[in-house]
Protein backbone atom coordinates (compact mmCIF):
# COMPACT_ATOMS: atom_id res chain seq x y z
CA UNK A 1 71.47 152.10 -56.04
CA UNK A 2 71.43 150.45 -52.56
CA UNK A 3 71.35 146.94 -51.09
CA UNK A 4 67.79 146.45 -52.44
CA UNK A 5 69.28 146.58 -55.94
CA UNK A 6 71.75 143.72 -55.23
CA UNK A 7 71.04 140.17 -56.52
CA UNK A 8 73.09 137.06 -55.90
CA UNK A 9 73.34 135.36 -59.32
CA UNK A 10 73.71 131.60 -59.77
CA UNK A 11 74.19 130.13 -63.23
CA UNK A 12 73.35 126.46 -63.62
CA UNK A 13 74.92 125.96 -67.06
CA UNK A 14 77.83 127.77 -68.71
CA UNK A 15 80.93 127.08 -70.86
CA UNK A 16 83.67 129.47 -69.67
CA UNK A 17 86.36 127.28 -71.19
CA UNK A 18 84.94 128.16 -74.67
CA UNK A 19 87.33 130.03 -77.06
CA UNK A 20 84.96 133.02 -76.97
CA UNK A 21 86.51 133.82 -73.60
CA UNK A 22 90.15 133.24 -74.47
CA UNK A 23 91.05 136.98 -74.63
CA UNK A 24 89.68 138.03 -71.24
CA UNK A 25 88.80 134.88 -69.29
CA UNK A 26 90.88 135.54 -66.21
CA UNK A 27 89.72 139.15 -65.89
CA UNK A 28 86.06 138.13 -66.41
CA UNK A 29 86.07 135.23 -63.93
CA UNK A 30 88.28 136.77 -61.27
CA UNK A 31 86.96 140.37 -61.38
CA UNK A 32 83.97 141.24 -63.53
CA UNK A 33 81.57 138.42 -62.66
CA UNK A 34 82.16 138.50 -58.91
CA UNK A 35 81.73 142.28 -58.91
CA UNK A 36 78.49 141.82 -60.84
CA UNK A 37 77.05 139.61 -58.12
CA UNK A 38 77.77 136.16 -59.70
CA UNK A 39 78.25 133.75 -56.82
CA UNK A 40 77.91 130.34 -58.38
CA UNK A 41 78.46 128.77 -61.82
CA UNK A 42 78.11 125.24 -62.93
CA UNK A 43 80.58 124.92 -65.85
CA UNK A 44 80.03 122.10 -68.36
CA UNK A 45 82.51 119.71 -69.88
CA UNK A 46 81.59 118.50 -73.37
CA UNK A 47 84.57 116.25 -74.29
CA UNK A 48 87.56 114.96 -72.41
CA UNK A 49 89.66 118.04 -73.19
CA UNK A 50 87.00 120.50 -71.99
CA UNK A 51 86.29 118.39 -68.96
CA UNK A 52 89.92 118.84 -68.00
CA UNK A 53 89.75 122.58 -68.58
CA UNK A 54 86.47 122.81 -66.71
CA UNK A 55 88.01 121.05 -63.67
CA UNK A 56 90.91 123.49 -63.93
CA UNK A 57 88.57 126.49 -63.89
CA UNK A 58 86.87 125.13 -60.79
CA UNK A 59 90.26 124.77 -59.13
CA UNK A 60 91.13 128.38 -59.86
CA UNK A 61 87.80 129.98 -59.08
CA UNK A 62 86.02 128.91 -55.85
CA UNK A 63 82.56 129.88 -57.06
CA UNK A 64 82.81 127.68 -60.27
CA UNK A 65 81.80 124.03 -59.96
CA UNK A 66 82.58 121.57 -62.67
CA UNK A 67 80.42 119.08 -64.48
CA UNK A 68 82.09 116.45 -66.74
CA UNK A 69 80.55 114.62 -69.60
CA UNK A 70 80.55 113.87 -73.31
CA UNK A 71 78.18 116.07 -75.33
CA UNK A 72 76.41 114.30 -78.28
CA UNK A 73 78.06 116.69 -80.75
CA UNK A 74 81.47 115.42 -79.46
CA UNK A 75 80.94 111.70 -80.05
CA UNK A 76 83.21 110.76 -82.90
CA UNK A 77 85.97 108.41 -83.85
CA UNK A 78 88.50 110.19 -81.58
CA UNK A 79 86.60 109.21 -78.45
CA UNK A 80 89.10 106.81 -76.67
CA UNK A 81 88.01 103.46 -75.43
CA UNK A 82 88.58 104.50 -71.81
CA UNK A 83 86.50 107.68 -71.98
CA UNK A 84 84.04 106.51 -69.36
CA UNK A 85 86.79 105.58 -66.97
CA UNK A 86 88.27 109.06 -67.42
CA UNK A 87 84.95 110.59 -66.35
CA UNK A 88 84.73 108.18 -63.45
CA UNK A 89 88.16 109.23 -62.11
CA UNK A 90 87.12 112.96 -62.00
CA UNK A 91 83.78 112.15 -60.42
CA UNK A 92 85.14 109.73 -57.78
CA UNK A 93 87.89 112.19 -56.84
CA UNK A 94 85.23 114.83 -56.22
CA UNK A 95 86.48 117.14 -58.98
CA UNK A 96 82.93 117.60 -60.35
CA UNK A 97 79.39 117.92 -58.92
CA UNK A 98 77.47 116.54 -61.88
CA UNK A 99 77.69 114.51 -65.09
CA UNK A 100 77.18 116.85 -67.98
CA UNK A 101 76.66 118.08 -70.58
CA UNK A 102 75.22 114.82 -71.96
CA UNK A 103 72.23 113.88 -74.00
CA UNK A 104 71.02 113.52 -77.62
CA UNK A 105 71.13 115.87 -80.60
CA UNK A 106 69.29 114.89 -83.76
CA UNK A 107 69.46 118.36 -85.29
CA UNK A 108 72.88 118.21 -86.93
CA UNK A 109 73.40 115.74 -89.75
CA UNK A 110 77.06 115.39 -88.97
CA UNK A 111 76.46 114.30 -85.38
CA UNK A 112 77.23 110.71 -84.45
CA UNK A 113 74.67 108.03 -85.52
CA UNK A 114 71.66 108.07 -83.24
CA UNK A 115 72.31 104.53 -81.97
CA UNK A 116 75.84 105.59 -80.90
CA UNK A 117 74.47 108.75 -79.23
CA UNK A 118 72.00 106.68 -77.24
CA UNK A 119 74.72 104.28 -76.22
CA UNK A 120 77.03 107.03 -74.89
CA UNK A 121 74.13 108.85 -73.21
CA UNK A 122 72.91 105.65 -71.53
CA UNK A 123 76.43 104.81 -70.25
CA UNK A 124 76.73 108.26 -68.64
CA UNK A 125 73.24 108.06 -67.10
CA UNK A 126 74.26 104.71 -65.63
CA UNK A 127 77.51 106.13 -64.24
CA UNK A 128 75.62 109.06 -62.66
CA UNK A 129 73.13 106.67 -61.14
CA UNK A 130 75.94 104.48 -59.72
CA UNK A 131 77.76 107.47 -58.17
CA UNK A 132 74.54 109.18 -56.95
CA UNK A 133 75.22 112.39 -58.94
CA UNK A 134 72.89 114.68 -60.91
CA UNK A 135 72.99 115.01 -64.70
CA UNK A 136 72.77 117.99 -67.00
CA UNK A 137 70.91 116.85 -70.13
CA UNK A 138 71.05 118.31 -73.68
CA UNK A 139 68.00 117.57 -75.81
CA UNK A 140 67.75 118.91 -79.36
CA UNK A 141 65.10 117.44 -81.67
CA UNK A 142 65.32 114.21 -79.69
CA UNK A 143 62.44 114.58 -77.20
CA UNK A 144 60.99 111.03 -77.51
CA UNK A 145 64.37 109.20 -77.14
CA UNK A 146 65.55 111.49 -74.30
CA UNK A 147 62.37 110.80 -72.35
CA UNK A 148 62.64 107.07 -72.95
CA UNK A 149 66.13 106.96 -71.48
CA UNK A 150 65.26 109.25 -68.60
CA UNK A 151 62.28 107.08 -67.73
CA UNK A 152 64.59 104.02 -67.83
CA UNK A 153 67.44 105.43 -65.64
CA UNK A 154 65.42 107.99 -63.60
CA UNK A 155 68.37 110.27 -62.84
CA UNK A 156 68.56 113.27 -60.66
CA UNK A 157 69.21 116.35 -62.73
CA UNK A 158 68.06 119.04 -65.09
CA UNK A 159 66.98 119.21 -68.71
CA UNK A 160 68.88 122.30 -69.77
CA UNK A 161 67.85 124.96 -72.29
CA UNK A 162 64.41 123.31 -72.32
CA UNK A 163 62.75 123.44 -75.72
CA UNK A 164 59.87 121.03 -75.31
CA UNK A 165 56.19 121.66 -74.54
CA UNK A 166 54.65 122.31 -71.15
CA UNK A 167 53.23 118.77 -71.35
CA UNK A 168 56.75 117.37 -71.79
CA UNK A 169 58.00 119.60 -68.99
CA UNK A 170 55.43 118.02 -66.69
CA UNK A 171 56.69 114.57 -67.66
CA UNK A 172 60.22 115.65 -66.75
CA UNK A 173 58.93 116.99 -63.41
CA UNK A 174 57.14 113.74 -62.77
CA UNK A 175 60.53 112.02 -63.03
CA UNK A 176 61.82 114.31 -60.24
CA UNK A 177 63.99 116.44 -62.48
CA UNK A 178 64.37 120.18 -62.95
CA UNK A 179 63.83 122.46 -65.96
CA UNK A 180 66.61 124.82 -67.11
CA UNK A 181 65.54 128.06 -68.77
CA UNK A 182 67.89 130.63 -70.30
CA UNK A 183 67.89 133.75 -72.50
CA UNK A 184 65.52 132.23 -75.09
CA UNK A 185 62.59 133.10 -72.85
CA UNK A 186 63.24 136.80 -73.66
CA UNK A 187 63.29 136.37 -77.46
CA UNK A 188 60.43 137.89 -79.47
CA UNK A 189 59.69 134.64 -81.22
CA UNK A 190 59.55 132.64 -77.98
CA UNK A 191 56.32 130.65 -77.62
CA UNK A 192 56.55 127.21 -75.94
CA UNK A 193 59.26 128.32 -73.46
CA UNK A 194 56.97 131.16 -72.24
CA UNK A 195 54.29 128.61 -71.36
CA UNK A 196 56.83 126.47 -69.57
CA UNK A 197 58.37 129.40 -67.65
CA UNK A 198 54.94 130.50 -66.50
CA UNK A 199 53.55 127.01 -65.84
CA UNK A 200 56.12 124.93 -63.93
CA UNK A 201 56.53 125.08 -60.17
CA UNK A 202 59.06 127.67 -59.05
CA UNK A 203 60.87 125.12 -56.95
CA UNK A 204 61.77 123.13 -60.08
CA UNK A 205 63.19 126.00 -62.12
CA UNK A 206 66.89 126.57 -62.80
CA UNK A 207 68.22 129.72 -64.43
CA UNK A 208 71.09 129.33 -66.85
CA UNK A 209 73.04 131.18 -69.61
CA UNK A 210 74.63 128.47 -71.81
CA UNK A 211 77.39 131.12 -72.00
CA UNK A 212 78.80 132.24 -74.40
CA UNK A 213 75.57 131.46 -76.28
CA UNK A 214 71.93 132.57 -76.02
CA UNK A 215 72.32 136.03 -74.53
CA UNK A 216 68.95 137.46 -73.42
CA UNK A 217 67.38 140.58 -74.75
CA UNK A 218 68.37 143.36 -74.92
CA UNK A 219 71.82 141.77 -75.41
CA UNK A 220 70.87 139.15 -77.96
CA UNK A 221 73.69 138.59 -80.49
CA UNK A 222 76.53 139.48 -78.11
CA UNK A 223 78.60 137.13 -75.99
CA UNK A 224 76.59 135.94 -73.06
CA UNK A 225 77.79 135.67 -69.51
CA UNK A 226 76.35 135.00 -66.06
CA UNK A 227 75.88 138.70 -65.16
CA UNK A 228 72.98 138.83 -67.66
CA UNK A 229 70.84 136.26 -65.86
CA UNK A 230 68.71 138.97 -64.17
CA UNK A 231 67.23 139.80 -67.63
CA UNK A 232 65.99 136.15 -67.91
CA UNK A 233 64.71 136.25 -64.31
CA UNK A 234 62.89 139.53 -64.96
CA UNK A 235 61.02 138.05 -67.96
CA UNK A 236 59.99 135.00 -65.95
CA UNK A 237 58.93 137.27 -63.06
CA UNK A 238 56.73 139.23 -65.45
CA UNK A 239 55.11 136.05 -66.73
CA UNK A 240 54.37 134.82 -63.20
CA UNK A 241 53.41 138.18 -61.59
CA UNK A 242 56.18 138.07 -58.99
CA UNK A 243 59.48 139.91 -58.48
CA UNK A 244 62.83 139.32 -60.23
CA UNK A 245 64.34 138.75 -56.81
CA UNK A 246 61.82 135.95 -56.06
CA UNK A 247 62.77 134.19 -59.27
CA UNK A 248 66.46 134.54 -58.68
CA UNK A 249 66.23 133.37 -55.07
CA UNK A 250 64.14 130.36 -55.97
CA UNK A 251 66.53 129.28 -58.69
CA UNK A 252 69.55 129.80 -56.42
CA UNK A 253 67.99 127.61 -53.78
CA UNK A 254 67.17 124.92 -56.40
CA UNK A 255 70.77 124.96 -57.71
CA UNK A 256 72.15 124.59 -54.19
CA UNK A 257 69.76 121.65 -53.61
CA UNK A 258 70.28 119.78 -56.86
CA UNK A 259 74.09 120.09 -56.93
CA UNK A 260 74.46 119.78 -53.14
CA UNK A 261 76.25 123.05 -52.71
CA UNK A 262 75.14 124.14 -49.23
CA UNK A 263 78.11 125.48 -47.40
CA UNK A 264 80.35 125.38 -50.47
CA UNK A 265 79.59 128.69 -52.12
CA UNK A 266 81.91 131.54 -51.12
CA UNK A 267 80.26 134.25 -48.95
CA UNK A 268 80.67 137.93 -49.80
CA UNK A 269 80.78 140.55 -47.00
CA UNK A 270 80.38 143.71 -49.00
CA UNK A 271 78.34 143.12 -52.22
CA UNK A 272 77.96 145.82 -54.75
CA UNK A 273 74.59 146.67 -56.43
CA UNK A 274 74.08 144.81 -59.75
CA UNK A 275 74.19 146.84 -62.97
CA UNK A 276 72.55 144.80 -65.66
């Protein structure tokens, strides 16, 4: 393998503070991922505790950038009254590059009531708008309400792990947002996401893992990490009739643009070929 086999890998959505990484997190983040070509990760907060750990990971690892936000599955009675102010402090200090992971989830019956989810989502969209920051949006079985709030607040950002139709994707693009696609595009039962991956403009596509979840084929069922993104890129390249490198480079450029990372990603002087 030579330089032509080397890819710079950017991951627009991961959760390296998840307990799935407790046993080997330091080794993975400090050694394995950089040696695999991973140069940029946007790590998501989902509740105040994980926002704090996400900021901590970004402090320790210069290629990891934090997003802070309250995920709809984390909206419960333990959410303190000053939760939004806590997010504001991190964001105004520059500890995070985005507000996320935020959104709506109507799939799980034990999630917060829908009205409460919409209230928390709207508050975070408003904060992102005020601070001129992008958002990373979660949408599960809540397409209509997510679209309604995105039309109202018109944020910069990405709809991550996109599960809607190509028609919905076009509405998201019309709002100026990006579409995040992960390992699901490689699954044998994938249908809608294949149409989306083939049909949206390349300059609006972000690659992601949602690590430790959603590992692409042929690694489905194992713990996911950013080094596996080339599998997702290869599937999208096949759909579009272009090269894996073109997909990776386009997504990398889009991630730098959306999260304003030009000049902030560590440079590597002697990269090793990827082995994925």
